[in-house]
Amino acid sequence: MMGPMTTSAPCHARRDLVLFWLFALLILGAGLGLRDPWPADEPRFALVARHMVESGNWLFPHRGIELYSDKPPLFMWMQASLLWLTGNLRIAFLLPSLLAALGTLWCVVDLGKRLWTPRVGVLAGLSTLLTIQFTWQAKKAQIDPVVVFWITLSCYALLRHVLHGPNWRMWALGWAAAGLGTITKGVGVIALLMLIPAGIAALRGWPGVRVHARDPKFWLGPLAFLTACGVWLLPMLVAALGNGGEAYRAYIDDILLRQTVTRYANSWHHEHPWWYFIEIALTNWLPTVLALPWAIPAWRRRLQRRDPRYVLLLGWVLLVFVFFSIPSGKRDMYILPALPMLCLALAPLLPGLLRKANPQRLLLAFVVVFSLVALATGIAMLTGDPAFERKFMDGRDAHVATGLAWMFAACGGSGLGAALWFGRRRAQLALVAQLTVLWVLYSLVGAPLLNDGSSSRGLMRTVGMAIGPTAELGLVGWREQQLLMADRPATDFGFKRSPQAQFNDGLRWQRAQPARRWLLVEGSALQDCVDKPSARDMGVANGRRWWLLDARSAGGCP
């Protein structure tokens, strides 16, 4: 009697694991290569990566002619390496996020299997993947998915050492991953906050928790952290200080002090109240947070039983929320690294929760409401007030609105159909069907439709046709997407400089060869001296109006 059962259990586990990875590849990989970088951050990083490949200068990122010191270069190195390997920017700029998201899911699935069972690992991975913010960020080429991976890898390794150790390889890996996360984005160091609940639990005698702080091998961790940071930090400091230029010293001050310590202690933008991240978690972490009303009492019971797995996972999640809630500057993706550990703590409870009537009703209600909103949006765009459509599609072609309207309608209709088919007893399958349709349609239909307007490819294609193939182009008041999408090497006059200074330098550049040089000027940078009737209005892109000037239209400017 026992033989077939013990044989079938591993078979079911392998089947579930294979299906999970196929599902993850479908959701995360759909649409790869079908769009260009979109603002705010994607064109900036892609521009820096392309400059690295073209110039051979990988140590100091450049945005146009200026040094770019807002972020360490590790993420841009990944994009540049993939661009060098593939030769295709559309693929290379998104691959780091895709690989990082898959790596994060692997850590979650494997850790769930080691701490509980293979089924719990798959459920933890599904909970992470189905959370809207995780997949939304994974399909964008921002730094955050890569930072989430390094932080999750660090937590994975530290938990294996603390709960199943000593495992000094995992200990060193945990610290090294935190170091690589730090040189990707300064907040990567928050992975080491895991040592606080681990240390407290060990001191209070929680079963199975050991930090092994008295072993000399303990110092392998800090050494691995410093080594990982030194991969970029040491050569950068040697080259910058050896160069001796003002720009390089300013680069050091900005990236090591202003963008880290000063930004945390005295944020200068994105100001929000202390409860901001609670609001973000309750909205952006749908549908996962729908389980919290039942999960919180269950967690309390397990903590009362002194289960160390929950005190480490939930303690670390709480510390991440506190860490990011202290400064006034907050952005929604800052707390994303906490999501995988929260899903790990939630996964063992899901089989029991999904057998209850009330969680099923709440999940089904989410599917229905989400579907109705999508359906109503599609219908409004097709048959409603034209002002709604014009506002939504400002600067884009009319066919884009029609395509998006049908996409929204299809998402809403399929969600309602799934809710009716699966009913109240299998609402989780209706959710999976709804989100699958949503992400696949967005990736294969929505993103390509929005691409020309969002990436500025349409604007720069029109500009290239207007000036002809042999003309030269200069940019004033530009954003990264204009320089990236230009159909020829374009000249810029600085990014952080004032529009007046850029415009003056642009005039001098144009007047050196007036017959073949043109200036593309952003609307707010256009000076009063320009003869607007002779300038070319290139329309709106990315919420800004653009003007194309030849030497005659700017001839009255001093």
Protein backbone atom coordinates (compact mmCIF):
# COMPACT_ATOMS: atom_id res chain seq x y z
CA MET A 1 0.00 0.00 0.00
CA MET A 2 2.80 2.43 0.82
CA GLY A 3 4.89 1.79 -2.26
CA PRO A 4 2.72 3.54 -4.88
CA MET A 5 2.05 6.44 -2.54
CA THR A 6 5.70 7.15 -1.82
CA THR A 7 6.48 6.83 -5.52
CA SER A 8 3.67 9.12 -6.67
CA ALA A 9 4.48 11.93 -4.22
CA PRO A 10 7.87 12.77 -5.83
CA CYS A 11 6.24 12.44 -9.27
CA HIS A 12 3.55 14.96 -8.34
CA ALA A 13 6.21 17.28 -6.89
CA ARG A 14 8.27 17.13 -10.09
CA ARG A 15 5.17 17.70 -12.23
CA ASP A 16 4.13 20.70 -10.15
CA LEU A 17 7.64 22.13 -10.34
CA VAL A 18 7.86 21.74 -14.14
CA LEU A 19 4.43 23.33 -14.59
CA PHE A 20 5.40 26.19 -12.31
CA TRP A 21 8.54 27.01 -14.31
CA LEU A 22 6.70 26.81 -17.63
CA PHE A 23 4.06 29.17 -16.22
CA ALA A 24 6.74 31.57 -14.91
CA LEU A 25 8.52 31.62 -18.29
CA LEU A 26 5.22 32.34 -20.05
CA ILE A 27 4.25 35.21 -17.73
CA LEU A 28 7.69 36.81 -17.41
CA GLY A 29 9.13 36.09 -20.86
CA ALA A 30 6.14 37.04 -23.02
CA GLY A 31 6.86 40.12 -25.12
CA LEU A 32 10.65 40.03 -24.80
CA GLY A 33 12.10 42.00 -27.72
CA LEU A 34 8.79 43.63 -28.74
CA ARG A 35 9.37 47.08 -27.26
CA ASP A 36 12.03 49.71 -26.63
CA PRO A 37 13.04 51.26 -23.29
CA TRP A 38 10.38 53.49 -21.72
CA PRO A 39 10.86 56.36 -19.27
CA ALA A 40 11.44 57.18 -16.55
CA ASP A 41 14.43 54.92 -15.86
CA GLU A 42 14.70 52.41 -18.69
CA PRO A 43 16.13 54.72 -21.40
CA ARG A 44 18.69 56.10 -18.95
CA PHE A 45 20.16 52.72 -18.08
CA ALA A 46 20.00 51.49 -21.68
CA LEU A 47 21.74 54.67 -22.86
CA VAL A 48 24.50 54.19 -20.29
CA ALA A 49 24.91 50.53 -21.27
CA ARG A 50 25.14 51.36 -24.99
CA HIS A 51 27.74 54.02 -24.27
CA MET A 52 29.80 51.42 -22.37
CA VAL A 53 29.79 49.07 -25.34
CA GLU A 54 30.51 51.80 -27.90
CA SER A 55 33.18 53.67 -25.92
CA GLY A 56 34.82 50.80 -24.05
CA ASN A 57 34.60 52.85 -20.82
CA TRP A 58 32.80 50.49 -18.42
CA LEU A 59 34.06 51.91 -15.14
CA PHE A 60 32.43 55.35 -15.29
CA PRO A 61 28.86 55.48 -16.64
CA HIS A 62 27.99 58.39 -18.94
CA ARG A 63 24.68 60.00 -19.80
CA GLY A 64 25.53 61.82 -23.01
CA ILE A 65 28.66 63.88 -22.40
CA GLU A 66 28.21 63.91 -18.59
CA LEU A 67 29.16 61.36 -15.93
CA TYR A 68 26.14 59.55 -14.50
CA SER A 69 26.49 59.18 -10.73
CA ASP A 70 22.96 58.40 -9.54
CA LYS A 71 23.48 54.62 -9.33
CA PRO A 72 26.43 52.18 -9.18
CA PRO A 73 27.13 50.56 -12.55
CA LEU A 74 26.54 46.83 -11.86
CA PHE A 75 23.07 46.79 -13.44
CA MET A 76 24.35 48.73 -16.45
CA TRP A 77 27.26 46.29 -16.73
CA MET A 78 24.75 43.45 -17.02
CA GLN A 79 22.82 45.25 -19.75
CA ALA A 80 26.02 46.18 -21.58
CA SER A 81 27.34 42.61 -21.42
CA LEU A 82 24.09 41.24 -22.84
CA LEU A 83 24.06 43.95 -25.52
CA TRP A 84 27.60 42.99 -26.48
CA LEU A 85 26.58 39.30 -26.63
CA THR A 86 23.26 39.70 -28.48
CA GLY A 87 23.76 42.90 -30.46
CA ASN A 88 20.05 43.61 -29.88
CA LEU A 89 19.17 46.40 -27.46
CA ARG A 90 15.48 45.45 -27.35
CA ILE A 91 16.40 42.06 -25.91
CA ALA A 92 19.46 43.03 -23.88
CA PHE A 93 17.87 45.83 -21.88
CA LEU A 94 15.12 43.56 -20.44
CA LEU A 95 17.10 40.34 -19.93
CA PRO A 96 18.64 41.30 -16.55
CA SER A 97 15.17 41.82 -15.07
CA LEU A 98 13.90 38.55 -16.51
CA LEU A 99 16.88 36.55 -15.25
CA ALA A 100 16.74 38.26 -11.86
CA ALA A 101 13.02 37.52 -11.46
CA LEU A 102 13.58 33.86 -12.33
CA GLY A 103 16.49 33.76 -9.87
CA THR A 104 14.31 35.24 -7.13
CA LEU A 105 11.63 32.64 -7.77
CA TRP A 106 14.23 29.85 -7.64
CA CYS A 107 15.43 31.04 -4.22
CA VAL A 108 11.85 31.17 -2.93
CA VAL A 109 10.89 27.75 -4.30
CA ASP A 110 14.05 26.02 -3.10
CA LEU A 111 13.94 27.63 0.35
CA GLY A 112 10.27 26.70 0.76
CA LYS A 113 11.17 23.11 -0.09
CA ARG A 114 14.04 23.07 2.43
CA LEU A 115 12.13 24.75 5.27
CA TRP A 116 8.84 22.88 4.66
CA THR A 117 7.96 20.72 1.62
CA PRO A 118 8.29 20.89 -2.19
CA ARG A 119 4.60 21.81 -2.42
CA VAL A 120 5.13 24.76 -0.07
CA GLY A 121 8.05 25.90 -2.23
CA VAL A 122 5.89 25.93 -5.37
CA LEU A 123 3.08 27.76 -3.55
CA ALA A 124 5.57 30.37 -2.31
CA GLY A 125 6.82 30.85 -5.87
CA LEU A 126 3.26 31.16 -7.22
CA SER A 127 2.33 33.68 -4.54
CA THR A 128 5.33 35.80 -5.50
CA LEU A 129 4.74 35.49 -9.24
CA LEU A 130 1.02 36.30 -9.04
CA THR A 131 1.60 39.45 -6.97
CA ILE A 132 0.97 42.35 -9.33
CA GLN A 133 3.93 44.50 -8.29
CA PHE A 134 6.45 41.67 -8.66
CA THR A 135 5.50 40.78 -12.23
CA TRP A 136 5.02 44.44 -13.21
CA GLN A 137 8.56 45.27 -12.06
CA ALA A 138 9.98 42.07 -13.60
CA LYS A 139 8.70 43.18 -17.00
CA LYS A 140 10.47 46.54 -16.70
CA ALA A 141 14.17 47.28 -17.12
CA GLN A 142 14.73 49.01 -13.80
CA ILE A 143 17.33 48.21 -11.16
CA ASP A 144 14.81 46.95 -8.61
CA PRO A 145 14.28 43.36 -9.91
CA VAL A 146 18.04 42.78 -9.80
CA VAL A 147 18.29 44.26 -6.29
CA VAL A 148 15.40 42.04 -5.19
CA PHE A 149 17.31 39.01 -6.50
CA TRP A 150 20.53 39.84 -4.63
CA ILE A 151 18.62 40.52 -1.41
CA THR A 152 16.55 37.33 -1.76
CA LEU A 153 19.68 35.29 -2.51
CA SER A 154 21.36 36.76 0.57
CA CYS A 155 18.34 35.94 2.77
CA TYR A 156 18.23 32.44 1.25
CA ALA A 157 21.85 31.73 2.10
CA LEU A 158 21.73 33.32 5.57
CA LEU A 159 18.60 31.33 6.50
CA ARG A 160 20.21 28.08 5.39
CA HIS A 161 23.20 28.84 7.62
CA VAL A 162 21.20 30.02 10.64
CA LEU A 163 18.48 27.32 10.56
CA HIS A 164 20.29 24.33 9.03
CA GLY A 165 23.91 25.21 9.72
CA PRO A 166 26.61 25.76 10.29
CA ASN A 167 27.05 26.12 6.53
CA TRP A 168 29.95 28.49 6.00
CA ARG A 169 29.66 28.50 2.22
CA MET A 170 26.08 29.72 2.54
CA TRP A 171 27.21 32.23 5.18
CA ALA A 172 29.82 33.70 2.83
CA LEU A 173 27.36 33.63 -0.09
CA GLY A 174 24.78 35.53 1.94
CA TRP A 175 27.20 38.34 2.74
CA ALA A 176 28.62 38.40 -0.81
CA ALA A 177 25.11 38.66 -2.32
CA ALA A 178 24.38 41.56 0.04
CA GLY A 179 27.58 43.22 -1.18
CA LEU A 180 26.62 42.76 -4.83
CA GLY A 181 23.19 44.15 -4.00
CA THR A 182 24.86 47.18 -2.44
CA ILE A 183 26.87 47.98 -5.57
CA THR A 184 23.71 47.49 -7.63
CA LYS A 185 21.71 49.87 -5.45
CA GLY A 186 22.83 51.04 -2.04
CA VAL A 187 19.88 49.47 -0.20
CA GLY A 188 21.13 45.96 -1.01
CA VAL A 189 22.67 45.93 2.46
CA ILE A 190 19.21 45.50 4.05
CA ALA A 191 19.52 41.74 3.50
CA LEU A 192 21.84 41.69 6.51
CA LEU A 193 18.97 42.87 8.72
CA MET A 194 18.10 39.15 8.79
CA LEU A 195 20.83 38.80 11.41
CA ILE A 196 18.83 40.92 13.90
CA PRO A 197 15.86 38.54 14.39
CA ALA A 198 18.28 35.60 14.08
CA GLY A 199 20.49 36.98 16.83
CA ILE A 200 17.54 37.79 19.11
CA ALA A 201 16.00 34.33 18.56
CA ALA A 202 19.34 32.63 19.26
CA LEU A 203 19.88 34.61 22.47
CA ARG A 204 16.36 33.78 23.67
CA GLY A 205 16.85 30.08 23.00
CA TRP A 206 14.46 29.55 20.10
CA PRO A 207 14.93 25.97 18.85
CA GLY A 208 17.13 25.45 15.81
CA VAL A 209 18.46 29.03 15.51
CA ARG A 210 22.25 29.40 15.66
CA VAL A 211 24.35 32.30 14.39
CA HIS A 212 27.68 30.61 15.35
CA ALA A 213 29.18 34.02 16.13
CA ARG A 214 32.02 32.59 18.24
CA ASP A 215 33.46 30.52 15.42
CA PRO A 216 36.41 32.26 13.69
CA LYS A 217 34.78 31.44 10.35
CA PHE A 218 32.14 34.01 11.26
CA TRP A 219 34.41 36.67 9.77
CA LEU A 220 34.24 35.03 6.35
CA GLY A 221 30.91 36.84 5.98
CA PRO A 222 32.09 40.44 6.43
CA LEU A 223 35.15 39.64 4.30
CA ALA A 224 32.91 38.33 1.49
CA PHE A 225 30.79 41.50 1.73
CA LEU A 226 33.82 43.80 1.41
CA THR A 227 35.23 41.71 -1.44
CA ALA A 228 31.96 41.91 -3.37
CA CYS A 229 31.75 45.68 -2.88
CA GLY A 230 35.38 46.02 -3.89
CA VAL A 231 34.68 44.55 -7.32
CA TRP A 232 33.52 48.01 -8.34
CA LEU A 233 34.53 50.31 -5.50
CA LEU A 234 38.31 49.81 -5.50
CA PRO A 235 38.99 50.24 -9.25
CA MET A 236 36.55 53.18 -9.35
CA LEU A 237 38.29 55.01 -6.51
CA VAL A 238 41.77 54.35 -7.89
CA ALA A 239 40.80 55.56 -11.37
CA ALA A 240 38.81 58.58 -10.17
CA LEU A 241 41.38 59.81 -7.67
CA GLY A 242 44.19 59.11 -10.09
CA ASN A 243 42.48 61.11 -12.80
CA GLY A 244 42.34 64.13 -10.52
CA GLY A 245 39.61 65.93 -12.46
CA GLU A 246 36.82 67.92 -10.80
CA ALA A 247 34.14 65.90 -12.53
CA TYR A 248 35.49 62.61 -11.16
CA ARG A 249 35.78 63.93 -7.61
CA ALA A 250 32.21 65.20 -7.84
CA TYR A 251 31.25 61.73 -9.08
CA ILE A 252 32.74 60.12 -5.95
CA ASP A 253 31.01 62.58 -3.61
CA ASP A 254 27.65 62.14 -5.30
CA ILE A 255 27.55 58.36 -5.60
CA LEU A 256 29.09 57.52 -2.21
CA LEU A 257 27.51 60.24 -0.06
CA ARG A 258 24.69 62.23 -1.61
CA GLN A 259 22.91 59.31 -3.31
CA THR A 260 23.18 57.06 -0.23
CA VAL A 261 23.60 58.62 3.23
CA THR A 262 22.23 62.07 2.35
CA ARG A 263 19.35 60.66 0.32
CA TYR A 264 18.29 58.42 3.22
CA ALA A 265 18.72 61.01 5.99
CA ASN A 266 17.42 64.03 4.08
CA SER A 267 15.40 62.98 1.02
CA TRP A 268 14.77 65.70 -1.55
CA HIS A 269 11.90 64.19 -3.55
CA HIS A 270 9.07 61.59 -3.49
CA GLU A 271 7.97 62.70 -0.02
CA HIS A 272 5.26 60.57 1.60
CA PRO A 273 3.98 59.96 5.17
CA TRP A 274 5.29 57.10 7.31
CA TRP A 275 2.31 54.83 6.53
CA TYR A 276 2.86 55.07 2.76
CA PHE A 277 4.25 51.55 2.41
CA ILE A 278 1.33 50.03 4.27
CA GLU A 279 -0.92 51.56 1.62
CA ILE A 280 1.38 50.29 -1.15
CA ALA A 281 1.40 46.75 0.24
CA LEU A 282 -2.40 46.69 0.50
CA THR A 283 -2.80 47.74 -3.14
CA ASN A 284 0.29 46.75 -5.14
CA TRP A 285 0.66 43.38 -3.42
CA LEU A 286 -2.76 42.20 -4.48
CA PRO A 287 -3.97 39.49 -4.62
CA THR A 288 -1.46 38.04 -2.11
CA VAL A 289 -2.44 40.39 0.72
CA LEU A 290 -6.04 39.15 0.53
CA ALA A 291 -4.86 36.22 2.67
CA LEU A 292 -3.68 38.45 5.54
CA PRO A 293 -6.94 38.44 7.60
CA TRP A 294 -6.51 34.67 8.04
CA ALA A 295 -2.72 34.54 7.92
CA ILE A 296 -2.06 36.98 10.78
CA PRO A 297 -3.84 34.88 13.46
CA ALA A 298 -2.15 31.74 12.11
CA TRP A 299 1.26 33.42 12.28
CA ARG A 300 0.55 34.49 15.87
CA ARG A 301 -0.16 30.88 16.87
CA ARG A 302 3.04 29.66 15.24
CA LEU A 303 5.10 32.37 16.93
CA GLN A 304 3.58 31.38 20.25
CA ARG A 305 4.81 27.85 19.52
CA ARG A 306 8.29 29.37 18.95
CA ASP A 307 8.60 28.26 15.34
CA PRO A 308 11.91 29.91 14.29
CA ARG A 309 11.08 29.98 10.58
CA TYR A 310 8.29 32.50 11.11
CA VAL A 311 10.15 34.76 13.52
CA LEU A 312 13.04 35.13 11.06
CA LEU A 313 10.92 35.66 7.94
CA LEU A 314 8.31 37.96 9.48
CA GLY A 315 10.84 39.79 11.66
CA TRP A 316 12.92 40.63 8.61
CA VAL A 317 9.86 41.79 6.61
CA LEU A 318 8.89 44.08 9.48
CA LEU A 319 12.42 45.53 9.68
CA VAL A 320 12.39 46.27 5.93
CA PHE A 321 9.13 48.20 6.30
CA VAL A 322 10.54 50.16 9.24
CA PHE A 323 13.82 50.87 7.43
CA PHE A 324 12.12 52.40 4.39
CA SER A 325 9.42 54.20 6.38
CA ILE A 326 11.92 56.33 8.34
CA PRO A 327 13.05 58.72 5.53
CA SER A 328 10.50 61.07 4.00
CA GLY A 329 11.45 60.08 0.44
CA LYS A 330 9.59 56.93 -0.59
CA ARG A 331 8.81 55.15 -3.86
CA ASP A 332 6.46 52.23 -4.28
CA MET A 333 9.11 49.71 -5.37
CA TYR A 334 11.35 50.25 -2.33
CA ILE A 335 9.60 47.57 -0.27
CA LEU A 336 9.46 44.99 -3.08
CA PRO A 337 12.43 43.03 -1.58
CA ALA A 338 10.21 42.14 1.40
CA LEU A 339 7.63 40.36 -0.79
CA PRO A 340 9.45 37.00 -1.39
CA MET A 341 10.02 36.42 2.33
CA LEU A 342 6.39 37.34 3.09
CA CYS A 343 5.21 34.83 0.48
CA LEU A 344 7.45 32.18 2.04
CA ALA A 345 5.82 32.76 5.42
CA LEU A 346 2.38 32.67 3.79
CA ALA A 347 2.81 29.56 1.61
CA PRO A 348 2.46 26.85 4.33
CA LEU A 349 -0.94 28.32 5.25
CA LEU A 350 -2.40 28.43 1.73
CA PRO A 351 -3.63 24.83 1.38
CA GLY A 352 -5.73 25.23 4.51
CA LEU A 353 -6.93 28.74 3.61
CA LEU A 354 -8.06 27.73 0.13
CA ARG A 355 -10.30 25.04 1.62
CA LYS A 356 -12.28 27.68 3.53
CA ALA A 357 -15.36 29.37 2.08
CA ASN A 358 -14.62 32.98 3.04
CA PRO A 359 -11.13 33.16 1.44
CA GLN A 360 -12.62 31.63 -1.72
CA ARG A 361 -15.39 34.25 -1.77
CA LEU A 362 -12.92 37.10 -1.29
CA LEU A 363 -10.64 35.80 -4.04
CA LEU A 364 -13.55 35.39 -6.42
CA ALA A 365 -14.77 38.91 -5.61
CA PHE A 366 -11.30 40.24 -6.49
CA VAL A 367 -11.40 38.46 -9.86
CA VAL A 368 -14.88 39.80 -10.63
CA VAL A 369 -14.15 43.41 -9.59
CA PHE A 370 -10.83 43.46 -11.45
CA SER A 371 -12.52 42.07 -14.56
CA LEU A 372 -15.41 44.54 -14.41
CA VAL A 373 -13.01 47.49 -14.14
CA ALA A 374 -11.02 46.25 -17.16
CA LEU A 375 -14.19 45.62 -19.16
CA ALA A 376 -15.63 49.04 -18.28
CA THR A 377 -12.39 50.74 -19.30
CA GLY A 378 -12.41 48.99 -22.67
CA ILE A 379 -16.05 49.86 -23.33
CA ALA A 380 -15.49 53.50 -22.29
CA MET A 381 -12.62 53.79 -24.75
CA LEU A 382 -14.68 52.24 -27.55
CA THR A 383 -18.03 53.96 -27.04
CA GLY A 384 -17.66 56.53 -24.26
CA ASP A 385 -16.75 60.21 -24.10
CA PRO A 386 -14.03 61.04 -26.68
CA ALA A 387 -12.39 63.35 -24.11
CA PHE A 388 -11.52 60.29 -22.00
CA GLU A 389 -9.79 58.66 -24.95
CA ARG A 390 -7.95 61.84 -25.97
CA LYS A 391 -6.61 62.37 -22.46
CA PHE A 392 -5.50 58.75 -22.22
CA MET A 393 -3.87 58.72 -25.64
CA ASP A 394 -2.26 62.18 -25.71
CA GLY A 395 0.56 62.14 -28.25
CA ARG A 396 -0.29 58.70 -29.69
CA ASP A 397 -1.93 57.52 -32.89
CA ALA A 398 -5.67 56.84 -32.96
CA HIS A 399 -5.30 53.11 -33.74
CA VAL A 400 -3.46 52.65 -30.44
CA ALA A 401 -6.59 53.60 -28.47
CA THR A 402 -8.71 51.07 -30.36
CA GLY A 403 -6.20 48.27 -29.83
CA LEU A 404 -5.90 49.01 -26.11
CA ALA A 405 -9.68 49.21 -25.74
CA TRP A 406 -10.08 45.70 -27.17
CA MET A 407 -7.23 44.48 -24.96
CA PHE A 408 -8.96 45.79 -21.82
CA ALA A 409 -12.27 44.31 -22.94
CA ALA A 410 -10.64 40.92 -23.59
CA CYS A 411 -9.00 40.94 -20.15
CA GLY A 412 -12.30 41.80 -18.47
CA GLY A 413 -14.36 39.32 -20.46
CA SER A 414 -11.92 36.45 -19.93
CA GLY A 415 -11.77 37.17 -16.19
CA LEU A 416 -15.55 37.07 -15.88
CA GLY A 417 -15.66 33.88 -17.92
CA ALA A 418 -13.05 32.26 -15.67
CA ALA A 419 -15.00 33.32 -12.56
CA LEU A 420 -18.16 31.70 -13.92
CA TRP A 421 -16.34 28.53 -15.01
CA PHE A 422 -14.37 27.83 -11.84
CA GLY A 423 -16.91 29.21 -9.36
CA ARG A 424 -16.53 29.69 -5.62
CA ARG A 425 -14.71 26.43 -4.92
CA ARG A 426 -11.76 27.02 -7.27
CA ALA A 427 -11.39 30.77 -7.27
CA GLN A 428 -7.59 30.44 -7.29
CA LEU A 429 -7.78 28.89 -10.78
CA ALA A 430 -9.96 31.78 -11.98
CA LEU A 431 -7.30 34.16 -10.63
CA VAL A 432 -4.50 32.33 -12.44
CA ALA A 433 -6.48 32.38 -15.71
CA GLN A 434 -7.30 36.08 -15.36
CA LEU A 435 -3.74 37.20 -14.60
CA THR A 436 -2.30 34.98 -17.33
CA VAL A 437 -4.52 36.64 -19.94
CA LEU A 438 -3.71 40.07 -18.52
CA TRP A 439 0.09 39.70 -18.63
CA VAL A 440 0.20 37.90 -21.98
CA LEU A 441 -2.08 40.43 -23.70
CA TYR A 442 -0.22 43.36 -22.16
CA SER A 443 3.12 41.92 -23.31
CA LEU A 444 2.09 40.89 -26.83
CA VAL A 445 -0.50 43.59 -27.63
CA GLY A 446 -0.46 46.51 -25.21
CA ALA A 447 3.26 47.17 -24.97
CA PRO A 448 3.90 47.07 -28.76
CA LEU A 449 0.96 49.42 -29.33
CA LEU A 450 2.25 51.92 -26.76
CA ASN A 451 5.87 51.63 -27.82
CA ASP A 452 6.21 54.41 -30.40
CA GLY A 453 4.73 57.05 -28.09
CA SER A 454 6.23 55.82 -24.82
CA SER A 455 9.76 55.24 -26.10
CA SER A 456 9.98 58.32 -28.38
CA ARG A 457 10.80 56.02 -31.30
CA GLY A 458 7.91 57.54 -33.24
CA LEU A 459 9.12 61.10 -32.56
CA MET A 460 12.71 60.37 -33.51
CA ARG A 461 11.65 58.49 -36.64
CA THR A 462 9.66 61.54 -37.74
CA VAL A 463 12.57 63.85 -36.91
CA GLY A 464 14.95 61.70 -38.95
CA MET A 465 12.65 61.80 -41.96
CA ALA A 466 12.23 65.58 -41.64
CA ILE A 467 15.94 66.45 -41.65
CA GLY A 468 17.09 63.84 -44.17
CA PRO A 469 19.76 61.14 -43.95
CA THR A 470 22.83 63.40 -44.23
CA ALA A 471 21.89 66.05 -41.66
CA GLU A 472 23.30 66.33 -38.13
CA LEU A 473 21.07 66.56 -35.07
CA GLY A 474 21.58 68.36 -31.77
CA LEU A 475 19.37 67.98 -28.69
CA VAL A 476 18.33 70.73 -26.26
CA GLY A 477 16.25 70.04 -23.15
CA TRP A 478 16.40 66.37 -24.07
CA ARG A 479 15.46 63.28 -22.12
CA GLU A 480 17.32 60.00 -22.33
CA GLN A 481 14.81 58.42 -24.68
CA GLN A 482 15.41 61.03 -27.39
CA LEU A 483 19.17 60.47 -27.42
CA LEU A 484 18.69 56.68 -27.27
CA MET A 485 16.10 56.52 -30.06
CA ALA A 486 17.78 58.95 -32.47
CA ASP A 487 18.40 57.32 -35.85
CA ARG A 488 21.92 58.78 -35.99
CA PRO A 489 24.64 59.83 -33.52
CA ALA A 490 23.19 62.98 -31.95
CA THR A 491 25.06 65.82 -30.25
CA ASP A 492 24.05 66.87 -26.75
CA PHE A 493 25.08 69.87 -24.69
CA GLY A 494 24.77 68.35 -21.24
CA PHE A 495 21.80 66.95 -19.35
CA LYS A 496 21.85 68.66 -15.97
CA ARG A 497 22.78 72.08 -17.38
CA SER A 498 20.09 74.76 -17.63
CA PRO A 499 17.99 74.87 -20.82
CA GLN A 500 19.38 78.36 -21.57
CA ALA A 501 22.98 77.12 -21.43
CA GLN A 502 22.12 74.11 -23.60
CA PHE A 503 20.33 76.33 -26.11
CA ASN A 504 23.24 78.77 -26.35
CA ASP A 505 25.75 75.99 -26.94
CA GLY A 506 23.37 74.43 -29.44
CA LEU A 507 23.22 77.68 -31.43
CA ARG A 508 26.99 77.91 -31.56
CA TRP A 509 27.19 74.31 -32.72
CA GLN A 510 24.51 74.85 -35.39
CA ARG A 511 26.04 78.05 -36.75
CA ALA A 512 29.35 76.31 -37.36
CA GLN A 513 27.63 74.39 -40.19
CA PRO A 514 24.18 75.98 -40.63
CA ALA A 515 23.27 74.19 -43.84
CA ARG A 516 23.26 70.68 -42.36
CA ARG A 517 22.69 71.03 -38.61
CA TRP A 518 19.32 70.94 -36.85
CA LEU A 519 18.25 71.38 -33.24
CA LEU A 520 15.47 69.38 -31.59
CA VAL A 521 14.30 71.52 -28.67
CA GLU A 522 11.91 70.63 -25.86
CA GLY A 523 9.03 73.11 -25.52
CA SER A 524 10.02 74.63 -22.17
CA ALA A 525 13.60 75.14 -23.44
CA LEU A 526 12.45 77.04 -26.55
CA GLN A 527 13.61 80.65 -26.30
CA ASP A 528 11.44 83.66 -27.19
CA CYS A 529 13.86 84.70 -29.90
CA VAL A 530 12.93 81.68 -32.05
CA ASP A 531 10.72 82.38 -35.09
CA LYS A 532 7.98 79.85 -34.34
CA PRO A 533 6.19 80.12 -37.72
CA SER A 534 9.35 78.88 -39.47
CA ALA A 535 10.12 76.22 -36.84
CA ARG A 536 8.60 72.76 -37.16
CA ASP A 537 6.21 71.60 -34.45
CA MET A 538 6.98 67.88 -34.02
CA GLY A 539 4.05 67.24 -31.70
CA VAL A 540 3.87 65.72 -28.21
CA ALA A 541 5.94 62.78 -26.97
CA ASN A 542 6.25 61.65 -23.35
CA GLY A 543 4.07 64.54 -22.24
CA ARG A 544 6.32 67.22 -23.80
CA ARG A 545 6.08 69.24 -27.01
CA TRP A 546 9.09 69.23 -29.33
CA TRP A 547 10.29 71.76 -31.92
CA LEU A 548 12.73 71.24 -34.79
CA LEU A 549 14.84 74.28 -35.65
CA ASP A 550 16.99 74.96 -38.67
CA ALA A 551 19.48 77.84 -38.77
CA ARG A 552 16.88 80.22 -40.22
CA SER A 553 14.24 79.73 -37.51
CA ALA A 554 16.86 80.38 -34.81
CA GLY A 555 18.60 83.11 -36.76
CA GLY A 556 17.17 85.93 -34.62
CA CYS A 557 18.69 84.55 -31.42
CA PRO A 558 21.82 86.31 -30.11
